[in-house]
């Protein structure tokens, strides 16, 4: 319970960190009025959003519209017990990395539900784009996970962490690490892959019909997914989160996900699909037999 509450609070401060980072990239201050240096801004935003009236259109599917944003956040929360903290996890089993992949894949269904239940062509188009993008990148996402499991002889996050005691998987697999980070950006619909929120043609993507508390839940789910994927990146490529040098690497990883938004413009949609199917997928497929050969010669 304490870990879940801590991560929820960290999500709130992660939003203010993003606004500050983007502010300084764009040579401006960012939020600096509420509390000391704007540190209480996330809480004032939360109060504002959750106090707003929820306006429903007549054509909305009310049950799904009310449930889907909450379920989207819930899917992010139930991943938390799987993650390894200080060489143990709240829910430890032999196939924890597969469980992580299954749970992270299920968020696709709720994004599709959010877009469809609003009964708006803009939100539906945004959700279709988002789902197509996430499914495309889940292929290389799974292949990279498979590569890591072959390298560590285990589907357990604990064993994956312990197998990096001598050397981290990142060293010697920098190309794979870069593909993984890019895939994480695509999976969380972050810039330069934020096609679900193409302002020029879709206004705000799949959440265009959602306001107040609904929007806050969708927003929280996205940022929680970013933090969870940052933690998974550290476990899979840089050993244990509890190690002192990873206290620096984890915040650095989360800042990189924000920094990209302030640096790169949005891709064209065809380039996004080409990157997934014609570049990342062949590289990921080639790396698996390579890792199996490496394991064979090491035995």
Protein backbone atom coordinates (compact mmCIF):
# COMPACT_ATOMS: atom_id res chain seq x y z
CA UNK A 1 0.00 0.00 0.00
CA UNK A 2 2.80 2.44 0.93
CA UNK A 3 4.65 1.71 -2.33
CA UNK A 4 1.46 2.33 -4.36
CA UNK A 5 0.76 5.62 -2.53
CA UNK A 6 4.41 6.69 -2.98
CA UNK A 7 4.25 6.02 -6.73
CA UNK A 8 0.93 7.91 -7.03
CA UNK A 9 2.51 10.92 -5.26
CA UNK A 10 5.60 10.60 -7.49
CA UNK A 11 3.26 10.73 -10.55
CA UNK A 12 1.92 14.08 -9.27
CA UNK A 13 5.42 15.51 -8.94
CA UNK A 14 6.45 13.96 -12.25
CA UNK A 15 3.89 16.18 -14.01
CA UNK A 16 5.39 19.32 -12.42
CA UNK A 17 8.87 18.08 -13.37
CA UNK A 18 7.76 17.77 -17.00
CA UNK A 19 6.34 21.29 -17.03
CA UNK A 20 9.53 22.65 -15.47
CA UNK A 21 11.81 20.76 -17.89
CA UNK A 22 9.78 21.87 -20.91
CA UNK A 23 9.71 25.42 -19.51
CA UNK A 24 13.50 25.65 -19.27
CA UNK A 25 13.94 24.01 -22.71
CA UNK A 26 11.66 26.75 -24.13
CA UNK A 27 13.45 29.46 -22.06
CA UNK A 28 10.58 30.21 -19.67
CA UNK A 29 9.87 29.53 -16.00
CA UNK A 30 7.02 27.02 -16.03
CA UNK A 31 4.64 26.86 -13.01
CA UNK A 32 6.10 28.93 -10.15
CA UNK A 33 3.17 30.49 -8.25
CA UNK A 34 1.45 27.76 -6.18
CA UNK A 35 3.63 26.95 -3.17
CA UNK A 36 7.42 27.28 -3.12
CA UNK A 37 8.65 27.42 -6.76
CA UNK A 38 5.29 25.98 -7.91
CA UNK A 39 5.82 22.68 -6.07
CA UNK A 40 2.13 22.42 -5.06
CA UNK A 41 0.87 23.03 -8.61
CA UNK A 42 -0.05 19.33 -9.23
CA UNK A 43 -2.31 19.29 -6.16
CA UNK A 44 -4.09 22.52 -7.18
CA UNK A 45 -4.56 21.06 -10.69
CA UNK A 46 -5.99 17.86 -9.20
CA UNK A 47 -8.45 19.82 -7.02
CA UNK A 48 -9.50 21.90 -10.04
CA UNK A 49 -10.00 18.87 -12.31
CA UNK A 50 -11.87 16.69 -9.79
CA UNK A 51 -14.19 19.59 -8.83
CA UNK A 52 -15.31 20.15 -12.42
CA UNK A 53 -18.73 18.99 -13.55
CA UNK A 54 -18.73 16.01 -15.92
CA UNK A 55 -20.73 16.85 -19.03
CA UNK A 56 -21.96 13.84 -21.00
CA UNK A 57 -23.24 13.98 -24.55
CA UNK A 58 -26.51 12.18 -25.31
CA UNK A 59 -24.80 9.72 -27.65
CA UNK A 60 -22.20 8.56 -25.08
CA UNK A 61 -22.19 5.04 -23.70
CA UNK A 62 -22.42 6.16 -20.04
CA UNK A 63 -21.31 2.95 -18.30
CA UNK A 64 -18.18 2.48 -20.43
CA UNK A 65 -17.37 6.21 -20.43
CA UNK A 66 -17.34 6.29 -16.62
CA UNK A 67 -15.50 2.97 -16.22
CA UNK A 68 -12.79 3.12 -18.93
CA UNK A 69 -10.62 6.02 -17.56
CA UNK A 70 -10.61 4.43 -14.07
CA UNK A 71 -9.77 0.99 -15.52
CA UNK A 72 -6.95 2.54 -17.55
CA UNK A 73 -5.37 3.84 -14.32
CA UNK A 74 -6.13 0.56 -12.52
CA UNK A 75 -4.17 -1.40 -15.19
CA UNK A 76 -1.14 0.79 -14.47
CA UNK A 77 -1.52 0.36 -10.69
CA UNK A 78 -1.69 -3.46 -10.74
CA UNK A 79 1.71 -3.61 -12.47
CA UNK A 80 3.33 -2.04 -9.36
CA UNK A 81 3.44 -5.26 -7.21
CA UNK A 82 5.39 -7.10 -9.94
CA UNK A 83 8.28 -4.62 -9.98
CA UNK A 84 11.38 -5.55 -8.02
CA UNK A 85 12.21 -3.35 -5.00
CA UNK A 86 15.43 -4.01 -3.10
CA UNK A 87 15.74 -7.64 -4.41
CA UNK A 88 12.10 -8.49 -3.63
CA UNK A 89 8.71 -7.72 -5.15
CA UNK A 90 5.28 -7.61 -3.55
CA UNK A 91 4.10 -10.37 -5.88
CA UNK A 92 7.06 -12.61 -6.69
CA UNK A 93 6.65 -15.48 -9.14
CA UNK A 94 8.69 -17.34 -11.75
CA UNK A 95 7.10 -15.60 -14.73
CA UNK A 96 6.85 -12.00 -13.52
CA UNK A 97 8.20 -10.47 -16.75
CA UNK A 98 5.53 -12.28 -18.81
CA UNK A 99 2.88 -11.08 -16.37
CA UNK A 100 4.20 -7.52 -16.81
CA UNK A 101 3.95 -7.85 -20.59
CA UNK A 102 0.38 -9.22 -20.44
CA UNK A 103 -0.83 -6.47 -18.07
CA UNK A 104 0.85 -3.69 -20.06
CA UNK A 105 -0.71 -5.06 -23.28
CA UNK A 106 -4.21 -4.92 -21.77
CA UNK A 107 -4.13 -1.11 -21.59
CA UNK A 108 -4.74 -1.14 -25.37
CA UNK A 109 -8.32 -2.38 -24.80
CA UNK A 110 -9.15 0.45 -22.41
CA UNK A 111 -7.78 3.12 -24.77
CA UNK A 112 -9.96 1.63 -27.52
CA UNK A 113 -12.94 1.64 -25.12
CA UNK A 114 -12.31 5.29 -24.15
CA UNK A 115 -12.36 6.33 -27.81
CA UNK A 116 -15.32 4.17 -28.85
CA UNK A 117 -17.62 4.83 -25.87
CA UNK A 118 -17.49 8.63 -26.38
CA UNK A 119 -19.28 8.10 -29.75
CA UNK A 120 -17.27 10.90 -31.35
CA UNK A 121 -15.45 10.42 -34.64
CA UNK A 122 -12.45 12.45 -33.39
CA UNK A 123 -11.96 10.42 -30.21
CA UNK A 124 -12.58 7.17 -32.10
CA UNK A 125 -9.98 8.09 -34.74
CA UNK A 126 -7.51 9.01 -31.97
CA UNK A 127 -8.03 5.68 -30.20
CA UNK A 128 -7.64 3.72 -33.48
CA UNK A 129 -4.36 5.51 -34.16
CA UNK A 130 -3.16 4.89 -30.62
CA UNK A 131 -4.08 1.19 -30.68
CA UNK A 132 -2.45 0.62 -34.10
CA UNK A 133 0.71 2.30 -32.82
CA UNK A 134 0.82 0.38 -29.53
CA UNK A 135 0.16 -3.01 -31.16
CA UNK A 136 2.87 -2.35 -33.78
CA UNK A 137 5.48 -1.53 -31.15
CA UNK A 138 4.44 -4.35 -28.83
CA UNK A 139 6.00 -6.78 -31.34
CA UNK A 140 9.53 -5.40 -30.86
CA UNK A 141 8.67 -4.81 -27.17
CA UNK A 142 8.04 -8.54 -26.68
CA UNK A 143 11.10 -9.58 -28.74
CA UNK A 144 13.37 -7.41 -26.58
CA UNK A 145 11.86 -8.98 -23.44
CA UNK A 146 12.50 -12.41 -25.01
CA UNK A 147 16.12 -11.41 -25.69
CA UNK A 148 16.59 -10.41 -22.03
CA UNK A 149 15.04 -13.67 -20.78
CA UNK A 150 17.37 -15.71 -23.02
CA UNK A 151 20.38 -13.76 -21.70
CA UNK A 152 19.34 -14.39 -18.08
CA UNK A 153 17.87 -17.95 -18.44
CA UNK A 154 14.74 -16.83 -16.57
CA UNK A 155 11.33 -15.13 -16.79
CA UNK A 156 11.70 -13.86 -13.23
CA UNK A 157 12.65 -10.21 -12.66
CA UNK A 158 14.64 -11.28 -9.59
CA UNK A 159 16.78 -13.67 -11.70
CA UNK A 160 17.17 -11.07 -14.46
CA UNK A 161 18.44 -8.60 -11.86
CA UNK A 162 20.81 -11.15 -10.26
CA UNK A 163 22.22 -12.24 -13.65
CA UNK A 164 23.57 -8.69 -14.08
CA UNK A 165 25.78 -8.79 -10.97
CA UNK A 166 28.99 -8.93 -13.04
CA UNK A 167 27.99 -6.69 -15.96
CA UNK A 168 24.78 -4.93 -16.94
CA UNK A 169 22.94 -6.05 -20.08
CA UNK A 170 23.10 -2.49 -21.42
CA UNK A 171 26.83 -2.79 -22.08
CA UNK A 172 27.24 -4.64 -25.36
CA UNK A 173 23.52 -4.17 -26.13
CA UNK A 174 23.38 -0.38 -26.55
CA UNK A 175 21.48 -0.66 -29.84
CA UNK A 176 18.86 -2.85 -28.14
CA UNK A 177 18.67 -0.41 -25.22
CA UNK A 178 18.02 2.49 -27.61
CA UNK A 179 15.30 0.48 -29.40
CA UNK A 180 13.73 -0.34 -26.01
CA UNK A 181 13.66 3.33 -24.93
CA UNK A 182 12.12 4.36 -28.28
CA UNK A 183 9.54 1.57 -27.96
CA UNK A 184 8.68 2.78 -24.43
CA UNK A 185 7.99 6.26 -25.87
CA UNK A 186 5.74 4.74 -28.55
CA UNK A 187 3.95 2.49 -26.03
CA UNK A 188 3.08 5.45 -23.79
CA UNK A 189 2.06 7.69 -26.76
CA UNK A 190 4.76 10.22 -25.94
CA UNK A 191 6.30 12.72 -28.34
CA UNK A 192 7.56 12.26 -31.07
CA UNK A 193 5.00 9.40 -31.28
CA UNK A 194 1.97 11.25 -29.89
CA UNK A 195 -0.26 10.68 -32.94
CA UNK A 196 -3.29 10.02 -30.75
CA UNK A 197 -3.08 13.72 -29.77
CA UNK A 198 -2.37 15.26 -33.19
CA UNK A 199 -3.71 18.76 -32.41
CA UNK A 200 -3.85 19.83 -36.07
CA UNK A 201 -6.35 17.12 -37.06
CA UNK A 202 -7.69 15.40 -33.91
CA UNK A 203 -7.90 18.28 -31.37
CA UNK A 204 -6.92 16.07 -28.39
CA UNK A 205 -7.16 12.50 -29.61
CA UNK A 206 -9.10 9.79 -27.81
CA UNK A 207 -9.72 11.95 -24.71
CA UNK A 208 -11.31 14.88 -26.60
CA UNK A 209 -14.76 14.23 -25.05
CA UNK A 210 -13.41 13.74 -21.51
CA UNK A 211 -13.02 16.50 -18.96
CA UNK A 212 -12.44 17.01 -15.26
CA UNK A 213 -11.90 13.82 -13.28
CA UNK A 214 -12.10 11.62 -16.39
CA UNK A 215 -9.24 13.50 -18.02
CA UNK A 216 -7.22 13.45 -14.78
CA UNK A 217 -7.46 9.63 -14.58
CA UNK A 218 -6.33 9.19 -18.21
CA UNK A 219 -3.51 11.69 -17.58
CA UNK A 220 -2.39 9.88 -14.42
CA UNK A 221 -2.43 6.49 -16.20
CA UNK A 222 -0.08 7.80 -18.92
CA UNK A 223 2.43 9.26 -16.46
CA UNK A 224 2.32 6.21 -14.20
CA UNK A 225 3.07 4.02 -17.23
CA UNK A 226 6.12 6.19 -17.96
CA UNK A 227 7.46 5.79 -14.41
CA UNK A 228 6.80 2.01 -14.41
CA UNK A 229 8.54 1.56 -17.78
CA UNK A 230 11.50 3.59 -16.48
CA UNK A 231 11.74 1.22 -13.49
CA UNK A 232 11.49 -1.83 -15.78
CA UNK A 233 14.26 -0.38 -17.97
CA UNK A 234 16.55 -0.13 -14.95
CA UNK A 235 15.80 -3.72 -13.85
CA UNK A 236 16.20 -5.20 -17.35
CA UNK A 237 19.30 -3.30 -18.47
CA UNK A 238 21.00 -1.87 -15.36
CA UNK A 239 20.41 -4.47 -12.61
CA UNK A 240 18.67 -3.65 -9.31
CA UNK A 241 16.75 -0.40 -8.55
CA UNK A 242 18.08 -0.39 -4.95
CA UNK A 243 21.74 -0.01 -6.03
CA UNK A 244 23.16 3.44 -5.27
CA UNK A 245 24.14 4.29 -8.87
CA UNK A 246 20.59 3.42 -10.00
CA UNK A 247 19.25 6.11 -7.66
CA UNK A 248 20.74 8.47 -10.27
CA UNK A 249 19.89 6.34 -13.34
CA UNK A 250 16.16 6.06 -12.52
CA UNK A 251 15.50 9.85 -12.31
CA UNK A 252 17.75 10.29 -15.37
CA UNK A 253 15.68 7.76 -17.33
CA UNK A 254 12.41 9.49 -16.38
CA UNK A 255 13.86 12.90 -17.39
CA UNK A 256 14.98 11.50 -20.79
CA UNK A 257 11.35 10.54 -21.53
CA UNK A 258 10.39 14.16 -20.85
CA UNK A 259 13.38 15.72 -22.60
CA UNK A 260 12.50 14.02 -25.90
CA UNK A 261 9.16 15.88 -25.96
CA UNK A 262 10.90 19.25 -25.87
CA UNK A 263 13.48 18.30 -28.50
CA UNK A 264 11.92 16.30 -31.34
CA UNK A 265 8.98 17.25 -33.59
CA UNK A 266 6.13 14.81 -34.21
CA UNK A 267 6.83 12.12 -36.85
CA UNK A 268 4.64 11.42 -39.84
CA UNK A 269 2.42 8.38 -39.24
CA UNK A 270 3.88 6.36 -42.14
CA UNK A 271 7.41 6.95 -40.79
CA UNK A 272 6.25 5.65 -37.38
CA UNK A 273 4.98 2.39 -38.92
CA UNK A 274 8.07 2.04 -41.14
CA UNK A 275 10.31 2.47 -38.09
CA UNK A 276 8.44 -0.31 -36.26
CA UNK A 277 7.97 -2.92 -39.00
CA UNK A 278 10.98 -2.31 -41.27
CA UNK A 279 13.71 -1.30 -38.80
CA UNK A 280 12.98 -2.33 -35.19
CA UNK A 281 11.35 -5.69 -35.99
CA UNK A 282 14.19 -7.05 -38.23
CA UNK A 283 16.86 -5.89 -35.74
CA UNK A 284 14.97 -7.48 -32.82
CA UNK A 285 14.56 -10.78 -34.73
CA UNK A 286 18.28 -10.86 -35.64
CA UNK A 287 19.33 -10.24 -32.03
CA UNK A 288 17.54 -13.32 -30.62
CA UNK A 289 19.58 -16.00 -32.50
CA UNK A 290 22.68 -13.91 -31.74
CA UNK A 291 21.94 -14.05 -28.00
CA UNK A 292 21.24 -17.80 -28.21
CA UNK A 293 24.63 -18.34 -29.87
CA UNK A 294 26.31 -16.24 -27.17
CA UNK A 295 24.66 -18.39 -24.50
CA UNK A 296 25.69 -21.59 -26.30
CA UNK A 297 29.38 -20.57 -26.44
CA UNK A 298 29.35 -19.42 -22.80
CA UNK A 299 28.07 -22.80 -21.58
